Amino acid sequence: MNTPSNPDTSNTPSIQQAAREQPMRTSLWQALVHAARRRLQAWRRARRCARDIAVLRQLDRASLRDLAIHPSEFASCWAEAEGQAERSRRRIVRTVDRRSPS
């Protein structure tokens, strides 16, 4: 019988047990949220890359020559400009450094 003087605690978790499980639930939730954010950021980065490369592909040969970019370099130029790859082109370093807040 479940009375105030004799409560049946066989089916209810103890306060200590609930306290031990709470951090595990919180950390699992935080890990899931973090993973979802990283996937969303990667998806957004991929969409931005595809959009920017599509714009570069619309340029004519003379414009590309003026920019000193060959079509085979689109992805690597984009990666350098976005900080996804080590900067090896001086013009990208200068452009990115000007855009970065000091």
N, C-alpha and C. Protein backbone atom coordinates (compact mmCIF):
# COMPACT_ATOMS: atom_id res chain seq x y z
N MET A 1 0.84 -1.17 0.00
CA MET A 1 0.00 0.00 0.00
C MET A 1 0.89 1.24 0.00
N ASN A 2 0.48 2.26 -0.74
CA ASN A 2 1.27 3.47 -0.88
C ASN A 2 0.66 4.56 0.00
N THR A 3 1.19 4.71 1.19
CA THR A 3 0.73 5.74 2.13
C THR A 3 1.87 6.69 2.41
N PRO A 4 1.57 7.89 2.94
CA PRO A 4 2.64 8.83 3.23
C PRO A 4 3.67 8.30 4.22
N SER A 5 3.23 7.46 5.15
CA SER A 5 4.19 6.93 6.12
C SER A 5 5.00 5.78 5.55
N ASN A 6 4.46 5.09 4.51
CA ASN A 6 5.14 3.96 3.92
C ASN A 6 5.06 4.05 2.39
N PRO A 7 5.80 4.99 1.78
CA PRO A 7 5.69 5.13 0.32
C PRO A 7 6.34 3.96 -0.41
N ASP A 8 5.73 3.56 -1.51
CA ASP A 8 6.28 2.49 -2.35
C ASP A 8 7.26 3.12 -3.33
N THR A 9 8.55 2.90 -3.11
CA THR A 9 9.58 3.51 -3.95
C THR A 9 10.21 2.52 -4.92
N SER A 10 9.60 1.38 -5.12
CA SER A 10 10.20 0.39 -6.00
C SER A 10 10.15 0.82 -7.47
N ASN A 11 9.15 1.60 -7.88
CA ASN A 11 9.00 2.01 -9.27
C ASN A 11 9.47 3.44 -9.54
N THR A 12 9.79 4.20 -8.53
CA THR A 12 10.20 5.58 -8.74
C THR A 12 11.71 5.69 -8.57
N PRO A 13 12.37 6.45 -9.46
CA PRO A 13 13.82 6.58 -9.33
C PRO A 13 14.17 7.45 -8.12
N SER A 14 15.28 7.13 -7.52
CA SER A 14 15.71 7.93 -6.38
C SER A 14 16.24 9.27 -6.87
N ILE A 15 16.30 10.20 -5.96
CA ILE A 15 16.82 11.52 -6.30
C ILE A 15 18.26 11.41 -6.76
N GLN A 16 19.05 10.56 -6.12
CA GLN A 16 20.44 10.38 -6.51
C GLN A 16 20.54 9.80 -7.91
N GLN A 17 19.70 8.83 -8.23
CA GLN A 17 19.73 8.21 -9.56
C GLN A 17 19.34 9.24 -10.62
N ALA A 18 18.33 10.03 -10.35
CA ALA A 18 17.92 11.06 -11.31
C ALA A 18 19.02 12.09 -11.50
N ALA A 19 19.70 12.44 -10.43
CA ALA A 19 20.79 13.41 -10.52
C ALA A 19 21.95 12.86 -11.34
N ARG A 20 22.21 11.56 -11.25
CA ARG A 20 23.29 10.96 -12.04
C ARG A 20 22.93 10.90 -13.52
N GLU A 21 21.67 10.67 -13.83
CA GLU A 21 21.25 10.54 -15.23
C GLU A 21 21.11 11.89 -15.93
N GLN A 22 20.82 12.95 -15.21
CA GLN A 22 20.60 14.26 -15.82
C GLN A 22 21.80 14.76 -16.59
N PRO A 23 23.04 14.74 -16.05
CA PRO A 23 24.17 15.22 -16.85
C PRO A 23 24.38 14.40 -18.13
N MET A 24 24.12 13.09 -18.06
CA MET A 24 24.28 12.26 -19.25
C MET A 24 23.27 12.66 -20.31
N ARG A 25 22.04 12.92 -19.92
CA ARG A 25 21.03 13.36 -20.88
C ARG A 25 21.40 14.71 -21.47
N THR A 26 21.85 15.61 -20.61
CA THR A 26 22.23 16.95 -21.08
C THR A 26 23.41 16.87 -22.04
N SER A 27 24.43 16.09 -21.69
CA SER A 27 25.59 16.01 -22.57
C SER A 27 25.24 15.33 -23.89
N LEU A 28 24.37 14.34 -23.86
CA LEU A 28 23.93 13.70 -25.10
C LEU A 28 23.18 14.70 -25.97
N TRP A 29 22.28 15.45 -25.36
CA TRP A 29 21.52 16.46 -26.10
C TRP A 29 22.46 17.51 -26.70
N GLN A 30 23.43 17.97 -25.91
CA GLN A 30 24.38 18.97 -26.39
C GLN A 30 25.20 18.41 -27.55
N ALA A 31 25.59 17.15 -27.47
CA ALA A 31 26.36 16.54 -28.55
C ALA A 31 25.53 16.46 -29.83
N LEU A 32 24.26 16.11 -29.68
CA LEU A 32 23.38 16.04 -30.86
C LEU A 32 23.18 17.42 -31.48
N VAL A 33 22.97 18.42 -30.65
CA VAL A 33 22.79 19.79 -31.15
C VAL A 33 24.07 20.26 -31.84
N HIS A 34 25.23 19.98 -31.23
CA HIS A 34 26.50 20.38 -31.81
C HIS A 34 26.71 19.71 -33.18
N ALA A 35 26.41 18.42 -33.26
CA ALA A 35 26.57 17.70 -34.52
C ALA A 35 25.63 18.26 -35.59
N ALA A 36 24.41 18.58 -35.20
CA ALA A 36 23.45 19.15 -36.16
C ALA A 36 23.92 20.52 -36.66
N ARG A 37 24.48 21.32 -35.76
CA ARG A 37 24.98 22.64 -36.17
C ARG A 37 26.15 22.50 -37.14
N ARG A 38 27.05 21.56 -36.85
CA ARG A 38 28.19 21.35 -37.74
C ARG A 38 27.74 20.90 -39.12
N ARG A 39 26.75 20.01 -39.18
CA ARG A 39 26.23 19.55 -40.47
C ARG A 39 25.58 20.70 -41.24
N LEU A 40 24.85 21.55 -40.52
CA LEU A 40 24.21 22.69 -41.15
C LEU A 40 25.25 23.67 -41.69
N GLN A 41 26.29 23.92 -40.91
CA GLN A 41 27.36 24.81 -41.37
C GLN A 41 28.06 24.24 -42.60
N ALA A 42 28.31 22.95 -42.61
CA ALA A 42 28.95 22.31 -43.77
C ALA A 42 28.04 22.41 -45.00
N TRP A 43 26.75 22.21 -44.80
CA TRP A 43 25.80 22.31 -45.91
C TRP A 43 25.77 23.73 -46.46
N ARG A 44 25.73 24.71 -45.55
CA ARG A 44 25.72 26.11 -45.99
C ARG A 44 27.00 26.47 -46.74
N ARG A 45 28.14 25.98 -46.25
CA ARG A 45 29.42 26.24 -46.90
C ARG A 45 29.45 25.63 -48.30
N ALA A 46 28.92 24.42 -48.43
CA ALA A 46 28.89 23.75 -49.74
C ALA A 46 27.97 24.50 -50.70
N ARG A 47 26.83 24.99 -50.21
CA ARG A 47 25.91 25.75 -51.06
C ARG A 47 26.56 27.06 -51.51
N ARG A 48 27.26 27.73 -50.58
CA ARG A 48 27.93 28.99 -50.92
C ARG A 48 29.02 28.75 -51.96
N CYS A 49 29.76 27.66 -51.79
CA CYS A 49 30.81 27.31 -52.75
C CYS A 49 30.21 27.06 -54.12
N ALA A 50 29.16 26.28 -54.19
CA ALA A 50 28.53 25.97 -55.47
C ALA A 50 28.00 27.24 -56.14
N ARG A 51 27.41 28.13 -55.34
CA ARG A 51 26.88 29.38 -55.89
C ARG A 51 28.01 30.25 -56.45
N ASP A 52 29.08 30.39 -55.67
CA ASP A 52 30.20 31.25 -56.10
C ASP A 52 30.90 30.68 -57.33
N ILE A 53 31.07 29.37 -57.37
CA ILE A 53 31.71 28.75 -58.54
C ILE A 53 30.82 28.90 -59.78
N ALA A 54 29.50 28.82 -59.58
CA ALA A 54 28.58 29.01 -60.71
C ALA A 54 28.72 30.43 -61.28
N VAL A 55 28.92 31.41 -60.40
CA VAL A 55 29.12 32.79 -60.87
C VAL A 55 30.42 32.89 -61.65
N LEU A 56 31.49 32.28 -61.16
CA LEU A 56 32.77 32.31 -61.87
C LEU A 56 32.66 31.63 -63.23
N ARG A 57 31.89 30.56 -63.32
CA ARG A 57 31.74 29.84 -64.59
C ARG A 57 31.02 30.69 -65.64
N GLN A 58 30.29 31.70 -65.23
CA GLN A 58 29.58 32.56 -66.17
C GLN A 58 30.50 33.61 -66.81
N LEU A 59 31.67 33.79 -66.24
CA LEU A 59 32.60 34.79 -66.79
C LEU A 59 33.21 34.29 -68.09
N ASP A 60 33.48 35.22 -69.00
CA ASP A 60 34.11 34.84 -70.26
C ASP A 60 35.62 34.68 -70.07
N ARG A 61 36.27 34.16 -71.09
CA ARG A 61 37.72 33.88 -71.00
C ARG A 61 38.54 35.14 -70.75
N ALA A 62 38.14 36.25 -71.36
CA ALA A 62 38.90 37.49 -71.18
C ALA A 62 38.84 37.95 -69.72
N SER A 63 37.67 37.85 -69.12
CA SER A 63 37.53 38.25 -67.71
C SER A 63 38.36 37.34 -66.82
N LEU A 64 38.31 36.06 -67.09
CA LEU A 64 39.10 35.12 -66.29
C LEU A 64 40.60 35.39 -66.45
N ARG A 65 41.00 35.72 -67.66
CA ARG A 65 42.40 36.03 -67.90
C ARG A 65 42.80 37.29 -67.13
N ASP A 66 41.90 38.29 -67.09
CA ASP A 66 42.18 39.51 -66.33
C ASP A 66 42.31 39.22 -64.84
N LEU A 67 41.51 38.26 -64.36
CA LEU A 67 41.58 37.88 -62.95
C LEU A 67 42.73 36.91 -62.67
N ALA A 68 43.35 36.43 -63.73
CA ALA A 68 44.44 35.44 -63.63
C ALA A 68 43.96 34.17 -62.94
N ILE A 69 42.77 33.73 -63.34
CA ILE A 69 42.20 32.49 -62.79
C ILE A 69 41.83 31.58 -63.95
N HIS A 70 42.28 30.36 -63.87
CA HIS A 70 41.88 29.35 -64.86
C HIS A 70 40.67 28.61 -64.29
N PRO A 71 39.75 28.16 -65.13
CA PRO A 71 38.58 27.44 -64.63
C PRO A 71 38.91 26.25 -63.72
N SER A 72 40.05 25.64 -63.91
CA SER A 72 40.41 24.50 -63.06
C SER A 72 40.77 24.94 -61.63
N GLU A 73 40.94 26.26 -61.43
CA GLU A 73 41.32 26.77 -60.11
C GLU A 73 40.14 27.31 -59.29
N PHE A 74 38.94 27.28 -59.82
CA PHE A 74 37.80 27.88 -59.13
C PHE A 74 37.66 27.36 -57.70
N ALA A 75 37.61 26.05 -57.54
CA ALA A 75 37.38 25.48 -56.20
C ALA A 75 38.51 25.81 -55.24
N SER A 76 39.76 25.74 -55.70
CA SER A 76 40.87 26.02 -54.79
C SER A 76 40.94 27.50 -54.44
N CYS A 77 40.62 28.38 -55.38
CA CYS A 77 40.57 29.82 -55.08
C CYS A 77 39.48 30.10 -54.05
N TRP A 78 38.33 29.48 -54.23
CA TRP A 78 37.23 29.68 -53.28
C TRP A 78 37.64 29.19 -51.90
N ALA A 79 38.25 28.01 -51.83
CA ALA A 79 38.65 27.46 -50.54
C ALA A 79 39.65 28.36 -49.83
N GLU A 80 40.59 28.91 -50.58
CA GLU A 80 41.56 29.83 -49.98
C GLU A 80 40.88 31.10 -49.50
N ALA A 81 39.99 31.65 -50.30
CA ALA A 81 39.31 32.89 -49.93
C ALA A 81 38.43 32.71 -48.70
N GLU A 82 37.85 31.53 -48.54
CA GLU A 82 36.98 31.24 -47.40
C GLU A 82 37.73 30.71 -46.18
N GLY A 83 39.04 30.54 -46.31
CA GLY A 83 39.81 30.05 -45.18
C GLY A 83 39.75 28.54 -45.00
N GLN A 84 39.29 27.83 -46.01
CA GLN A 84 39.18 26.37 -45.94
C GLN A 84 40.47 25.68 -46.33
N ALA A 85 41.38 26.42 -46.95
CA ALA A 85 42.67 25.87 -47.38
C ALA A 85 43.75 26.92 -47.11
N GLU A 86 44.97 26.46 -47.05
CA GLU A 86 46.08 27.37 -46.82
C GLU A 86 46.18 28.36 -47.98
N ARG A 87 46.41 29.60 -47.65
CA ARG A 87 46.51 30.63 -48.68
C ARG A 87 47.85 30.56 -49.38
N SER A 88 47.81 30.38 -50.69
CA SER A 88 49.04 30.30 -51.46
C SER A 88 49.09 31.36 -52.56
N ARG A 89 48.01 32.06 -52.77
CA ARG A 89 47.96 33.09 -53.81
C ARG A 89 48.01 34.46 -53.14
N ARG A 90 48.93 35.31 -53.57
CA ARG A 90 49.09 36.62 -52.95
C ARG A 90 47.84 37.48 -53.08
N ARG A 91 47.19 37.44 -54.24
CA ARG A 91 46.03 38.30 -54.43
C ARG A 91 44.89 37.89 -53.51
N ILE A 92 44.76 36.62 -53.19
CA ILE A 92 43.72 36.18 -52.27
C ILE A 92 44.09 36.58 -50.85
N VAL A 93 45.34 36.48 -50.51
CA VAL A 93 45.78 36.88 -49.17
C VAL A 93 45.46 38.35 -48.95
N ARG A 94 45.80 39.19 -49.92
CA ARG A 94 45.53 40.62 -49.78
C ARG A 94 44.03 40.89 -49.67
N THR A 95 43.23 40.27 -50.50
CA THR A 95 41.79 40.49 -50.50
C THR A 95 41.18 40.03 -49.19
N VAL A 96 41.55 38.83 -48.74
CA VAL A 96 40.98 38.30 -47.50
C VAL A 96 41.44 39.14 -46.32
N ASP A 97 42.69 39.56 -46.30
CA ASP A 97 43.19 40.35 -45.20
C ASP A 97 42.47 41.70 -45.13
N ARG A 98 42.10 42.26 -46.26
CA ARG A 98 41.35 43.53 -46.24
C ARG A 98 39.94 43.34 -45.71
N ARG A 99 39.35 42.19 -46.00
CA ARG A 99 37.99 41.94 -45.55
C ARG A 99 37.94 41.63 -44.07
N SER A 100 38.99 41.03 -43.51
CA SER A 100 39.01 40.62 -42.11
C SER A 100 39.07 41.84 -41.22
N PRO A 101 38.22 41.86 -40.16
CA PRO A 101 38.30 42.98 -39.22
C PRO A 101 39.60 42.91 -38.41
N SER A 102 40.22 44.04 -38.21
CA SER A 102 41.50 44.07 -37.49
C SER A 102 41.29 44.41 -36.04
